[in-house]
Amino acid sequence: MEKESRQTRLRLLLKKLNVQRKTQARKIDILCNDLISAHREFINRLDTISFAARFYESILAAGELSSLLPRAGKLIEEQIPDANIAFFLRQPDGFELHLHQSEQPISLDTQSLENSFTTELVENICKSNKVCKLEDLYAMGLQGNLTALNKVSVATIPLSRHGCSLGFILIYRSRQRELKQAELINIAAVTAGLCKAITACQTVSGSAK
């Protein structure tokens, strides 16, 4: 009887130890996953900081839009390879369109995506003051070759300073290479400085007229 009692206590002890071991293993897995996530986030932040530093260093000496926007477009293209990039800047009577010519431009049949942007659509995007995807642009009035447009991954990134919209950056590339959230975050991180540089160039240009 005493032997059976010891065996019962031993089985209960082993069962308890197994439960504790499994619980400890789960805690270790959770801790490891948290550490990996934190490390990945840290690396992403370093990448953003590094890109911002190179971006600001490159545009620092640009005194005119004709030199500023090509430099900005080149750096954005380095960050988001094979993308088409365009800058839409608001004007009292509409908008200015500045294209960055990619080495591997995306073909949208006979109509480029930039040509589908009307003054009304540009204003709607500016007023939204947020990153817009293709479905957002459709809701705001984008029209064009729907078959061709659905083959690309599209995003607009606002250019806003002190709550005032200067315009936005249009970025798109093949849907086979969907625009990544991390890529858009890096571009959004430098828009404050870019807006300041755009405003300075516009002020100089206005003074020269």
Protein backbone atom coordinates (compact mmCIF):
# COMPACT_ATOMS: atom_id res chain seq x y z
CA MET A 1 0.00 0.00 0.00
CA GLU A 2 2.80 2.38 0.94
CA LYS A 3 4.62 1.51 -2.31
CA GLU A 4 1.52 2.37 -4.40
CA SER A 5 1.18 5.65 -2.48
CA ARG A 6 4.79 6.58 -3.27
CA GLN A 7 4.28 5.75 -6.93
CA THR A 8 1.12 7.88 -7.02
CA ARG A 9 2.96 10.83 -5.44
CA LEU A 10 5.83 10.32 -7.88
CA ARG A 11 3.47 10.33 -10.88
CA LEU A 12 1.79 13.51 -9.60
CA LEU A 13 5.19 15.12 -9.08
CA LEU A 14 6.33 14.19 -12.59
CA LYS A 15 3.07 15.49 -14.03
CA LYS A 16 3.52 18.76 -12.16
CA LEU A 17 7.11 19.03 -13.37
CA ASN A 18 6.01 18.44 -16.98
CA VAL A 19 3.37 21.15 -16.70
CA GLN A 20 5.94 23.55 -15.22
CA ARG A 21 8.45 22.69 -17.96
CA LYS A 22 5.89 23.30 -20.71
CA THR A 23 4.84 26.58 -19.10
CA GLN A 24 8.48 27.66 -18.85
CA ALA A 25 9.07 26.70 -22.49
CA ARG A 26 6.10 28.82 -23.59
CA LYS A 27 7.43 31.78 -21.59
CA ILE A 28 10.86 31.38 -23.19
CA ASP A 29 9.28 31.22 -26.68
CA ILE A 30 7.30 34.40 -25.98
CA LEU A 31 10.42 36.15 -24.65
CA CYS A 32 12.48 35.08 -27.68
CA ASN A 33 9.76 36.26 -30.07
CA ASP A 34 9.56 39.60 -28.25
CA LEU A 35 13.34 39.99 -28.47
CA ILE A 36 13.32 39.16 -32.18
CA SER A 37 10.50 41.65 -32.81
CA ALA A 38 12.29 44.33 -30.81
CA HIS A 39 15.53 43.68 -32.70
CA ARG A 40 13.72 43.85 -36.05
CA GLU A 41 12.03 47.11 -35.06
CA PHE A 42 15.38 48.54 -33.93
CA ILE A 43 16.98 47.62 -37.27
CA ASN A 44 14.07 49.22 -39.15
CA ARG A 45 14.46 52.42 -37.14
CA LEU A 46 18.18 52.50 -37.85
CA ASP A 47 17.42 52.06 -41.55
CA THR A 48 14.97 54.98 -41.40
CA ILE A 49 17.48 57.19 -39.58
CA SER A 50 20.23 56.29 -42.05
CA PHE A 51 18.01 57.04 -45.04
CA ALA A 52 16.87 60.35 -43.52
CA ALA A 53 20.47 61.40 -42.90
CA ARG A 54 21.51 60.64 -46.48
CA PHE A 55 18.37 62.30 -47.83
CA TYR A 56 18.84 65.57 -45.94
CA GLU A 57 22.56 65.66 -46.75
CA SER A 58 21.79 65.33 -50.46
CA ILE A 59 19.10 68.04 -50.65
CA LEU A 60 20.86 70.47 -48.32
CA ALA A 61 22.50 72.54 -51.05
CA ALA A 62 19.57 72.52 -53.49
CA GLY A 63 18.35 76.07 -54.01
CA GLU A 64 15.80 75.49 -56.78
CA LEU A 65 13.04 72.98 -57.38
CA SER A 66 14.75 72.00 -60.63
CA SER A 67 17.64 70.55 -58.60
CA LEU A 68 15.82 69.67 -55.37
CA LEU A 69 13.13 67.37 -56.76
CA PRO A 70 15.44 65.31 -59.03
CA ARG A 71 17.72 64.69 -56.04
CA ALA A 72 14.77 63.74 -53.87
CA GLY A 73 13.39 61.47 -56.60
CA LYS A 74 16.72 59.70 -57.03
CA LEU A 75 16.99 58.98 -53.31
CA ILE A 76 13.41 57.75 -53.14
CA GLU A 77 14.04 55.47 -56.11
CA GLU A 78 17.12 54.06 -54.36
CA GLN A 79 14.92 53.31 -51.36
CA ILE A 80 12.08 51.90 -53.51
CA PRO A 81 13.71 50.31 -56.58
CA ASP A 82 11.96 50.11 -59.96
CA ALA A 83 9.32 52.63 -58.89
CA ASN A 84 7.82 55.51 -60.83
CA ILE A 85 7.90 58.72 -58.80
CA ALA A 86 6.12 62.03 -59.33
CA PHE A 87 5.76 65.17 -57.22
CA PHE A 88 2.44 67.01 -57.28
CA LEU A 89 2.73 70.56 -55.89
CA ARG A 90 -0.36 72.66 -55.26
CA GLN A 91 -0.74 75.98 -57.05
CA PRO A 92 -3.42 78.68 -56.72
CA ASP A 93 -4.81 77.71 -60.13
CA GLY A 94 -4.21 73.95 -59.99
CA PHE A 95 -1.00 72.01 -59.54
CA GLU A 96 2.52 71.47 -60.87
CA LEU A 97 3.62 67.99 -61.87
CA HIS A 98 7.31 67.09 -61.57
CA LEU A 99 8.22 63.65 -62.92
CA HIS A 100 11.22 61.66 -61.85
CA GLN A 101 12.40 59.61 -64.79
CA SER A 102 13.15 56.07 -63.62
CA GLU A 103 15.64 53.94 -65.51
CA GLN A 104 13.00 51.22 -65.71
CA PRO A 105 9.67 53.05 -66.03
CA ILE A 106 6.46 51.08 -65.69
CA SER A 107 4.27 51.04 -68.78
CA LEU A 108 0.55 51.62 -68.33
CA ASP A 109 -0.35 51.04 -71.96
CA THR A 110 -0.96 54.35 -73.69
CA GLN A 111 -1.82 56.32 -70.57
CA SER A 112 0.50 56.99 -67.64
CA LEU A 113 -0.92 57.06 -64.15
CA GLU A 114 0.16 60.68 -63.67
CA ASN A 115 -2.05 61.80 -66.56
CA SER A 116 -5.10 60.38 -64.77
CA PHE A 117 -4.80 62.95 -61.97
CA THR A 118 -7.25 65.83 -62.35
CA THR A 119 -7.18 69.07 -60.36
CA GLU A 120 -10.14 67.81 -58.34
CA LEU A 121 -8.41 64.52 -57.53
CA VAL A 122 -5.20 66.31 -56.54
CA GLU A 123 -7.16 68.59 -54.22
CA ASN A 124 -8.97 65.64 -52.65
CA ILE A 125 -5.68 63.87 -51.99
CA CYS A 126 -4.15 67.01 -50.50
CA LYS A 127 -7.14 67.58 -48.23
CA SER A 128 -7.02 63.99 -46.98
CA ASN A 129 -3.44 64.59 -45.73
CA LYS A 130 -2.75 60.86 -45.38
CA VAL A 131 -1.03 58.04 -47.23
CA CYS A 132 -3.49 56.92 -49.91
CA LYS A 133 -3.57 53.56 -51.68
CA LEU A 134 -5.23 52.72 -55.00
CA GLU A 135 -8.63 52.02 -53.44
CA ASP A 136 -8.53 55.42 -51.74
CA LEU A 137 -7.75 57.11 -55.05
CA TYR A 138 -10.70 55.38 -56.72
CA ALA A 139 -12.95 56.68 -53.94
CA MET A 140 -11.59 60.20 -54.50
CA GLY A 141 -12.33 60.17 -58.22
CA LEU A 142 -9.42 58.45 -59.99
CA GLN A 143 -10.42 57.28 -63.45
CA GLY A 144 -8.48 55.60 -66.21
CA ASN A 145 -7.64 52.21 -67.66
CA LEU A 146 -8.79 50.06 -64.73
CA THR A 147 -7.22 46.90 -66.12
CA ALA A 148 -3.83 48.58 -66.33
CA LEU A 149 -4.16 50.40 -62.99
CA ASN A 150 -4.95 47.19 -61.14
CA LYS A 151 -1.58 45.82 -62.25
CA VAL A 152 0.34 48.34 -60.16
CA SER A 153 0.90 48.98 -56.47
CA VAL A 154 0.25 52.67 -55.75
CA ALA A 155 0.70 55.06 -52.84
CA THR A 156 0.60 58.82 -52.37
CA ILE A 157 2.55 60.34 -49.48
CA PRO A 158 1.47 63.78 -48.27
CA LEU A 159 3.75 66.80 -48.32
CA SER A 160 2.43 68.83 -45.42
CA ARG A 161 3.98 71.56 -43.28
CA HIS A 162 2.38 73.16 -40.23
CA GLY A 163 -0.92 71.56 -41.20
CA CYS A 164 -0.82 73.08 -44.68
CA SER A 165 -0.62 70.72 -47.66
CA LEU A 166 2.00 71.54 -50.27
CA GLY A 167 1.07 68.51 -52.36
CA PHE A 168 2.11 64.87 -52.34
CA ILE A 169 4.50 62.29 -53.73
CA LEU A 170 3.08 59.64 -56.07
CA ILE A 171 4.91 56.30 -56.01
CA TYR A 172 3.96 53.20 -57.96
CA ARG A 173 5.46 50.02 -59.34
CA SER A 174 4.35 46.59 -60.54
CA ARG A 175 1.93 44.79 -58.23
CA GLN A 176 4.31 41.85 -58.43
CA ARG A 177 6.53 43.97 -56.18
CA GLU A 178 3.93 45.35 -53.79
CA LEU A 179 4.99 48.56 -52.05
CA LYS A 180 6.05 47.66 -48.52
CA GLN A 181 4.89 49.49 -45.43
CA ALA A 182 8.50 49.87 -44.24
CA GLU A 183 9.43 51.57 -47.53
CA LEU A 184 6.58 54.06 -47.23
CA ILE A 185 7.44 54.75 -43.58
CA ASN A 186 11.00 55.66 -44.58
CA ILE A 187 9.77 58.10 -47.23
CA ALA A 188 7.21 59.63 -44.88
CA ALA A 189 10.00 60.18 -42.35
CA VAL A 190 11.74 62.71 -44.62
CA THR A 191 8.73 64.66 -45.89
CA ALA A 192 8.96 67.31 -43.14
CA GLY A 193 12.46 68.30 -44.25
CA LEU A 194 11.54 68.03 -47.91
CA CYS A 195 8.54 70.32 -47.37
CA LYS A 196 10.80 72.88 -45.72
CA ALA A 197 13.21 72.72 -48.65
CA ILE A 198 10.34 73.02 -51.18
CA THR A 199 8.97 76.07 -49.37
CA ALA A 200 12.42 77.69 -49.33
CA CYS A 201 12.85 77.07 -53.07
CA GLN A 202 9.39 78.45 -53.84
CA THR A 203 10.14 81.55 -51.74
CA VAL A 204 13.42 82.16 -53.55
CA SER A 205 11.75 81.59 -56.91
CA GLY A 206 8.92 84.00 -56.02
CA SER A 207 11.37 86.66 -54.90
CA ALA A 208 13.31 86.39 -58.14
CA LYS A 209 10.25 87.08 -60.29
